[in-house]
């Protein structure tokens, strides 16, 4: 883990490309507004990263370091990186 789950951001990072800002959301931050809008949850899907490039930075090229997909080496690889929510107006 790079930071606690509850530390949602913004996280500021400076590198050779400049400054970037990252926000992360807890599940409650995503799902509660749906419920408050009167939507009915129909399905949730969670998916892992499918390629090490997810952990190597933003690129459309295939990843290079396959070891990044191993959660023992990269603990964040043991968590879902995509959340799909299907909701319907009730």
Foldseek 3Di string as FASTA:
>chain_A
DPDDPPCFDQDWDQDPVGIDTGGHDDVCVVVVVCVVQQKAWDDKDFAFDPFCVVVVDDDPDGDDDPCCCDCVVVVCNVGTDDMDTDIGRD
